[in-house]
N, C-alpha and C. Protein backbone atom coordinates (compact mmCIF):
# COMPACT_ATOMS: atom_id res chain seq x y z
N UNK A 1 -6.47 -57.22 81.85
CA UNK A 1 -6.15 -56.00 81.19
C UNK A 1 -4.68 -56.02 80.77
N UNK A 2 -4.44 -55.62 79.47
CA UNK A 2 -3.08 -55.62 78.94
C UNK A 2 -2.37 -54.31 79.30
N UNK A 3 -1.10 -54.37 79.71
CA UNK A 3 -0.38 -53.16 80.07
C UNK A 3 0.12 -52.38 78.84
N UNK A 4 0.21 -53.00 77.64
CA UNK A 4 0.76 -52.32 76.47
C UNK A 4 0.28 -53.01 75.20
N UNK A 5 0.62 -52.43 74.06
CA UNK A 5 0.27 -53.03 72.78
C UNK A 5 1.25 -54.14 72.46
N UNK A 6 0.78 -55.13 71.71
CA UNK A 6 1.68 -56.20 71.28
C UNK A 6 2.42 -55.74 70.03
N UNK A 7 3.46 -56.44 69.68
CA UNK A 7 4.25 -56.11 68.50
C UNK A 7 3.41 -56.19 67.24
N UNK A 8 2.54 -57.17 67.15
CA UNK A 8 1.67 -57.32 65.98
C UNK A 8 0.71 -56.14 65.83
N UNK A 9 0.19 -55.65 66.92
CA UNK A 9 -0.72 -54.50 66.87
C UNK A 9 0.02 -53.25 66.39
N UNK A 10 1.23 -53.06 66.85
CA UNK A 10 2.02 -51.91 66.41
C UNK A 10 2.37 -51.99 64.93
N UNK A 11 2.77 -53.17 64.46
CA UNK A 11 3.10 -53.35 63.04
C UNK A 11 1.87 -53.11 62.19
N UNK A 12 0.73 -53.62 62.61
CA UNK A 12 -0.52 -53.44 61.87
C UNK A 12 -0.88 -51.95 61.79
N UNK A 13 -0.72 -51.21 62.88
CA UNK A 13 -1.01 -49.77 62.89
C UNK A 13 -0.06 -49.02 61.96
N UNK A 14 1.22 -49.38 61.96
CA UNK A 14 2.20 -48.72 61.09
C UNK A 14 1.89 -48.98 59.63
N UNK A 15 1.50 -50.20 59.29
CA UNK A 15 1.14 -50.54 57.90
C UNK A 15 -0.06 -49.72 57.46
N UNK A 16 -1.06 -49.60 58.29
CA UNK A 16 -2.26 -48.82 57.93
C UNK A 16 -1.90 -47.34 57.73
N UNK A 17 -1.08 -46.78 58.62
CA UNK A 17 -0.65 -45.39 58.47
C UNK A 17 0.14 -45.21 57.17
N UNK A 18 0.99 -46.16 56.84
CA UNK A 18 1.75 -46.10 55.58
C UNK A 18 0.86 -46.13 54.36
N UNK A 19 -0.15 -46.98 54.36
CA UNK A 19 -1.07 -47.06 53.23
C UNK A 19 -1.85 -45.75 53.07
N UNK A 20 -2.32 -45.21 54.17
CA UNK A 20 -3.06 -43.94 54.11
C UNK A 20 -2.17 -42.81 53.61
N UNK A 21 -0.93 -42.78 54.06
CA UNK A 21 -0.03 -41.69 53.65
C UNK A 21 0.35 -41.76 52.18
N UNK A 22 0.35 -42.95 51.58
CA UNK A 22 0.66 -43.03 50.14
C UNK A 22 -0.40 -42.35 49.30
N UNK A 23 -1.61 -42.24 49.81
CA UNK A 23 -2.67 -41.53 49.09
C UNK A 23 -2.76 -40.07 49.52
N UNK A 24 -2.53 -39.80 50.77
CA UNK A 24 -2.75 -38.46 51.31
C UNK A 24 -1.65 -37.47 50.92
N UNK A 25 -0.40 -37.86 50.94
CA UNK A 25 0.70 -36.93 50.67
C UNK A 25 0.67 -36.39 49.24
N UNK A 26 0.51 -37.22 48.20
CA UNK A 26 0.42 -36.65 46.85
C UNK A 26 -0.78 -35.72 46.68
N UNK A 27 -1.89 -36.06 47.29
CA UNK A 27 -3.08 -35.20 47.20
C UNK A 27 -2.81 -33.86 47.88
N UNK A 28 -2.13 -33.90 49.01
CA UNK A 28 -1.77 -32.67 49.71
C UNK A 28 -0.87 -31.79 48.85
N UNK A 29 0.11 -32.38 48.18
CA UNK A 29 1.02 -31.61 47.34
C UNK A 29 0.28 -30.98 46.16
N UNK A 30 -0.65 -31.71 45.54
CA UNK A 30 -1.44 -31.14 44.44
C UNK A 30 -2.27 -29.97 44.94
N UNK A 31 -2.88 -30.12 46.09
CA UNK A 31 -3.71 -29.05 46.65
C UNK A 31 -2.86 -27.83 46.96
N UNK A 32 -1.67 -28.05 47.48
CA UNK A 32 -0.76 -26.94 47.79
C UNK A 32 -0.35 -26.20 46.52
N UNK A 33 -0.01 -26.93 45.47
CA UNK A 33 0.39 -26.30 44.21
C UNK A 33 -0.76 -25.52 43.59
N UNK A 34 -1.97 -26.08 43.64
CA UNK A 34 -3.14 -25.38 43.10
C UNK A 34 -3.43 -24.11 43.89
N UNK A 35 -3.29 -24.16 45.19
CA UNK A 35 -3.52 -22.98 46.02
C UNK A 35 -2.50 -21.89 45.72
N UNK A 36 -1.24 -22.27 45.57
CA UNK A 36 -0.20 -21.29 45.26
C UNK A 36 -0.42 -20.71 43.86
N UNK A 37 -0.80 -21.54 42.90
CA UNK A 37 -1.08 -21.04 41.55
C UNK A 37 -2.25 -20.07 41.57
N UNK A 38 -3.25 -20.35 42.37
CA UNK A 38 -4.39 -19.46 42.50
C UNK A 38 -3.97 -18.12 43.09
N UNK A 39 -3.11 -18.14 44.08
CA UNK A 39 -2.61 -16.91 44.70
C UNK A 39 -1.79 -16.10 43.70
N UNK A 40 -0.92 -16.76 42.95
CA UNK A 40 -0.09 -16.06 41.96
C UNK A 40 -0.97 -15.48 40.87
N UNK A 41 -1.96 -16.22 40.41
CA UNK A 41 -2.89 -15.73 39.38
C UNK A 41 -3.62 -14.48 39.88
N UNK A 42 -4.11 -14.53 41.10
CA UNK A 42 -4.80 -13.38 41.69
C UNK A 42 -3.85 -12.18 41.78
N UNK A 43 -2.61 -12.40 42.20
CA UNK A 43 -1.63 -11.32 42.29
C UNK A 43 -1.35 -10.69 40.93
N UNK A 44 -1.22 -11.52 39.91
CA UNK A 44 -0.94 -11.01 38.55
C UNK A 44 -2.11 -10.15 38.06
N UNK A 45 -3.32 -10.63 38.22
CA UNK A 45 -4.49 -9.88 37.77
C UNK A 45 -4.63 -8.57 38.54
N UNK A 46 -4.44 -8.62 39.86
CA UNK A 46 -4.51 -7.41 40.68
C UNK A 46 -3.42 -6.41 40.29
N UNK A 47 -2.23 -6.91 40.03
CA UNK A 47 -1.13 -6.04 39.65
C UNK A 47 -1.40 -5.37 38.31
N UNK A 48 -1.89 -6.11 37.34
CA UNK A 48 -2.20 -5.53 36.03
C UNK A 48 -3.24 -4.42 36.18
N UNK A 49 -4.30 -4.70 36.90
CA UNK A 49 -5.35 -3.70 37.10
C UNK A 49 -4.83 -2.47 37.83
N UNK A 50 -4.02 -2.69 38.86
CA UNK A 50 -3.46 -1.58 39.63
C UNK A 50 -2.49 -0.74 38.80
N UNK A 51 -1.67 -1.41 38.01
CA UNK A 51 -0.72 -0.69 37.17
C UNK A 51 -1.44 0.16 36.12
N UNK A 52 -2.46 -0.40 35.50
CA UNK A 52 -3.22 0.35 34.50
C UNK A 52 -3.92 1.55 35.13
N UNK A 53 -4.53 1.37 36.29
CA UNK A 53 -5.20 2.47 36.97
C UNK A 53 -4.22 3.56 37.39
N UNK A 54 -3.11 3.14 37.96
CA UNK A 54 -2.08 4.10 38.40
C UNK A 54 -1.53 4.88 37.22
N UNK A 55 -1.31 4.20 36.09
CA UNK A 55 -0.76 4.88 34.92
C UNK A 55 -1.76 5.88 34.34
N UNK A 56 -3.04 5.53 34.34
CA UNK A 56 -4.05 6.45 33.82
C UNK A 56 -4.11 7.74 34.65
N UNK A 57 -3.91 7.62 35.94
CA UNK A 57 -3.98 8.79 36.82
C UNK A 57 -2.68 9.60 36.79
N UNK A 58 -1.54 8.94 36.88
CA UNK A 58 -0.25 9.62 37.04
C UNK A 58 0.58 9.73 35.77
N UNK A 59 0.24 8.98 34.75
CA UNK A 59 0.97 8.96 33.48
C UNK A 59 2.42 8.50 33.60
N UNK A 60 2.75 7.84 34.72
CA UNK A 60 4.09 7.26 34.86
C UNK A 60 4.05 6.23 35.97
N UNK A 61 4.98 5.30 35.89
CA UNK A 61 5.18 4.31 36.95
C UNK A 61 6.69 4.20 37.17
N UNK A 62 7.12 4.55 38.37
CA UNK A 62 8.54 4.46 38.69
C UNK A 62 8.92 3.09 39.24
N UNK A 63 8.09 2.58 40.15
CA UNK A 63 8.33 1.27 40.77
C UNK A 63 7.01 0.56 40.95
N UNK A 64 7.03 -0.74 40.83
CA UNK A 64 5.82 -1.52 41.08
C UNK A 64 5.43 -1.42 42.55
N UNK A 65 6.44 -1.29 43.44
CA UNK A 65 6.16 -1.15 44.88
C UNK A 65 5.34 0.09 45.20
N UNK A 66 5.43 1.14 44.35
CA UNK A 66 4.65 2.35 44.57
C UNK A 66 3.17 2.12 44.28
N UNK A 67 2.87 1.10 43.49
CA UNK A 67 1.51 0.87 43.01
C UNK A 67 0.79 -0.18 43.85
N UNK A 68 1.46 -1.26 44.19
CA UNK A 68 0.81 -2.38 44.87
C UNK A 68 1.80 -3.04 45.83
N UNK A 69 1.27 -3.59 46.91
CA UNK A 69 2.09 -4.32 47.87
C UNK A 69 1.75 -5.80 47.77
N UNK A 70 2.76 -6.61 47.50
CA UNK A 70 2.56 -8.05 47.35
C UNK A 70 3.39 -8.81 48.39
N UNK A 71 3.03 -10.05 48.60
CA UNK A 71 3.70 -10.91 49.57
C UNK A 71 5.15 -11.15 49.13
N UNK A 72 6.09 -10.77 49.97
CA UNK A 72 7.51 -10.91 49.62
C UNK A 72 7.97 -12.37 49.64
N UNK A 73 7.18 -13.27 50.21
CA UNK A 73 7.53 -14.69 50.16
C UNK A 73 7.31 -15.24 48.76
N UNK A 74 6.35 -14.68 48.03
CA UNK A 74 6.05 -15.16 46.67
C UNK A 74 6.76 -14.36 45.60
N UNK A 75 6.96 -13.08 45.83
CA UNK A 75 7.44 -12.19 44.78
C UNK A 75 8.77 -11.54 45.14
N UNK A 76 9.61 -11.39 44.13
CA UNK A 76 10.85 -10.63 44.22
C UNK A 76 10.66 -9.41 43.33
N UNK A 77 10.48 -8.24 43.93
CA UNK A 77 10.20 -7.01 43.17
C UNK A 77 11.43 -6.14 43.17
N UNK A 78 11.83 -5.71 41.96
CA UNK A 78 12.98 -4.83 41.79
C UNK A 78 12.63 -3.77 40.75
N UNK A 79 12.26 -2.61 41.21
CA UNK A 79 11.91 -1.52 40.30
C UNK A 79 10.66 -1.82 39.50
N UNK A 80 10.82 -1.94 38.20
CA UNK A 80 9.70 -2.19 37.30
C UNK A 80 9.56 -3.66 36.93
N UNK A 81 10.18 -4.54 37.68
CA UNK A 81 10.13 -5.98 37.40
C UNK A 81 9.77 -6.74 38.67
N UNK A 82 8.86 -7.70 38.52
CA UNK A 82 8.55 -8.60 39.63
C UNK A 82 8.64 -10.03 39.14
N UNK A 83 9.23 -10.89 39.98
CA UNK A 83 9.48 -12.27 39.59
C UNK A 83 8.95 -13.24 40.63
N UNK A 84 8.43 -14.36 40.14
CA UNK A 84 8.03 -15.46 41.01
C UNK A 84 8.93 -16.64 40.69
N UNK A 85 9.56 -17.19 41.72
CA UNK A 85 10.45 -18.33 41.56
C UNK A 85 9.80 -19.58 42.13
N UNK A 86 9.94 -20.69 41.40
CA UNK A 86 9.49 -21.99 41.90
C UNK A 86 10.71 -22.89 41.97
N UNK A 87 11.04 -23.35 43.15
CA UNK A 87 12.23 -24.19 43.37
C UNK A 87 13.48 -23.55 42.78
N UNK A 88 13.63 -22.26 43.05
CA UNK A 88 14.78 -21.47 42.61
C UNK A 88 14.88 -21.32 41.10
N UNK A 89 13.82 -21.67 40.37
CA UNK A 89 13.76 -21.45 38.92
C UNK A 89 12.80 -20.30 38.65
N UNK A 90 13.19 -19.44 37.74
CA UNK A 90 12.35 -18.30 37.39
C UNK A 90 11.10 -18.80 36.66
N UNK A 91 9.96 -18.61 37.28
CA UNK A 91 8.70 -19.13 36.75
C UNK A 91 7.93 -18.06 35.99
N UNK A 92 7.71 -16.92 36.63
CA UNK A 92 6.91 -15.86 36.03
C UNK A 92 7.60 -14.53 36.25
N UNK A 93 7.68 -13.75 35.18
CA UNK A 93 8.27 -12.41 35.25
C UNK A 93 7.27 -11.42 34.69
N UNK A 94 6.93 -10.41 35.48
CA UNK A 94 6.06 -9.33 35.03
C UNK A 94 6.89 -8.06 35.08
N UNK A 95 6.98 -7.37 33.94
CA UNK A 95 7.79 -6.15 33.91
C UNK A 95 7.09 -5.07 33.09
N UNK A 96 7.46 -3.84 33.38
CA UNK A 96 6.92 -2.69 32.66
C UNK A 96 7.99 -2.21 31.69
N UNK A 97 7.64 -2.22 30.40
CA UNK A 97 8.57 -1.80 29.36
C UNK A 97 7.81 -0.95 28.35
N UNK A 98 8.22 0.31 28.17
CA UNK A 98 7.65 1.19 27.15
C UNK A 98 6.12 1.21 27.14
N UNK A 99 5.52 1.62 28.22
CA UNK A 99 4.06 1.76 28.35
C UNK A 99 3.31 0.44 28.12
N UNK A 100 4.00 -0.67 28.39
CA UNK A 100 3.38 -1.99 28.25
C UNK A 100 3.78 -2.86 29.44
N UNK A 101 2.89 -3.79 29.75
CA UNK A 101 3.18 -4.79 30.79
C UNK A 101 3.53 -6.08 30.07
N UNK A 102 4.72 -6.57 30.32
CA UNK A 102 5.19 -7.80 29.70
C UNK A 102 5.13 -8.93 30.73
N UNK A 103 4.46 -10.02 30.35
CA UNK A 103 4.38 -11.19 31.22
C UNK A 103 5.06 -12.35 30.50
N UNK A 104 6.00 -12.97 31.19
CA UNK A 104 6.70 -14.14 30.64
C UNK A 104 6.55 -15.30 31.62
N UNK A 105 6.05 -16.43 31.12
CA UNK A 105 5.86 -17.62 31.95
C UNK A 105 6.74 -18.73 31.40
N UNK A 106 7.57 -19.31 32.24
CA UNK A 106 8.43 -20.43 31.84
C UNK A 106 7.63 -21.72 31.88
N UNK A 107 7.70 -22.48 30.81
CA UNK A 107 6.91 -23.71 30.72
C UNK A 107 7.55 -24.88 31.46
N UNK A 108 8.83 -24.80 31.70
CA UNK A 108 9.54 -25.93 32.31
C UNK A 108 10.02 -25.65 33.74
N UNK A 109 9.42 -24.67 34.40
CA UNK A 109 9.90 -24.29 35.73
C UNK A 109 9.34 -25.16 36.85
N UNK A 110 8.19 -25.78 36.64
CA UNK A 110 7.64 -26.63 37.70
C UNK A 110 6.14 -26.78 37.63
N UNK A 111 5.59 -27.44 38.64
CA UNK A 111 4.16 -27.74 38.68
C UNK A 111 3.30 -26.50 38.82
N UNK A 112 3.73 -25.54 39.62
CA UNK A 112 2.94 -24.32 39.80
C UNK A 112 2.89 -23.54 38.50
N UNK A 113 4.00 -23.47 37.78
CA UNK A 113 4.01 -22.77 36.50
C UNK A 113 3.11 -23.46 35.48
N UNK A 114 3.13 -24.77 35.47
CA UNK A 114 2.23 -25.50 34.57
C UNK A 114 0.78 -25.24 34.93
N UNK A 115 0.48 -25.16 36.21
CA UNK A 115 -0.88 -24.86 36.66
C UNK A 115 -1.28 -23.44 36.24
N UNK A 116 -0.35 -22.49 36.31
CA UNK A 116 -0.63 -21.13 35.86
C UNK A 116 -0.95 -21.09 34.37
N UNK A 117 -0.20 -21.84 33.59
CA UNK A 117 -0.47 -21.91 32.15
C UNK A 117 -1.83 -22.52 31.90
N UNK A 118 -2.18 -23.57 32.63
CA UNK A 118 -3.51 -24.17 32.49
C UNK A 118 -4.62 -23.21 32.87
N UNK A 119 -4.33 -22.27 33.77
CA UNK A 119 -5.32 -21.29 34.20
C UNK A 119 -5.38 -20.08 33.29
N UNK A 120 -4.57 -20.03 32.26
CA UNK A 120 -4.64 -18.95 31.28
C UNK A 120 -3.63 -17.85 31.45
N UNK A 121 -2.68 -17.99 32.37
CA UNK A 121 -1.62 -17.00 32.52
C UNK A 121 -0.49 -17.43 31.59
N UNK A 122 -0.36 -16.73 30.47
CA UNK A 122 0.63 -17.08 29.45
C UNK A 122 1.53 -15.89 29.17
N UNK A 123 2.58 -16.13 28.41
CA UNK A 123 3.45 -15.05 27.97
C UNK A 123 2.65 -14.13 27.06
N UNK A 124 2.63 -12.83 27.43
CA UNK A 124 1.84 -11.86 26.66
C UNK A 124 2.31 -10.45 26.97
N UNK A 125 1.83 -9.52 26.18
CA UNK A 125 2.12 -8.09 26.38
C UNK A 125 0.78 -7.37 26.46
N UNK A 126 0.62 -6.53 27.49
CA UNK A 126 -0.62 -5.81 27.73
C UNK A 126 -0.31 -4.31 27.77
N UNK A 127 -1.09 -3.50 27.07
CA UNK A 127 -0.89 -2.06 27.07
C UNK A 127 -1.31 -1.46 28.40
N UNK A 128 -0.56 -0.46 28.87
CA UNK A 128 -0.91 0.22 30.10
C UNK A 128 -2.13 1.14 29.90
N UNK A 129 -2.30 1.60 28.71
CA UNK A 129 -3.40 2.54 28.42
C UNK A 129 -4.64 1.77 27.98
């Protein structure tokens, strides 16, 4: 019976782990970006629906925080504007301006923003009414 692994066995195990990680880590990052894009897309759609419903009932919107509560890790909300940052770059901005919801998506902000564009979240203006 051997008391420990030989040097060759350890090197062989490290090489196998390295080969597996070269495939697993990029796949993990893609999955993470897709999941975050899905969450942001869901938040945008929920926010639009909530803002339209709130405006129909109250005829005014003072703050987005009064209408919907979103994850503060993903969103920076300030009054009538909410922003999503990817790697400290402004990726998506949703704001209320003159009875309209304005959505601006930056095309060069990162992978999550590109995934949002592929999912149909583009720069657009939507009426509150």
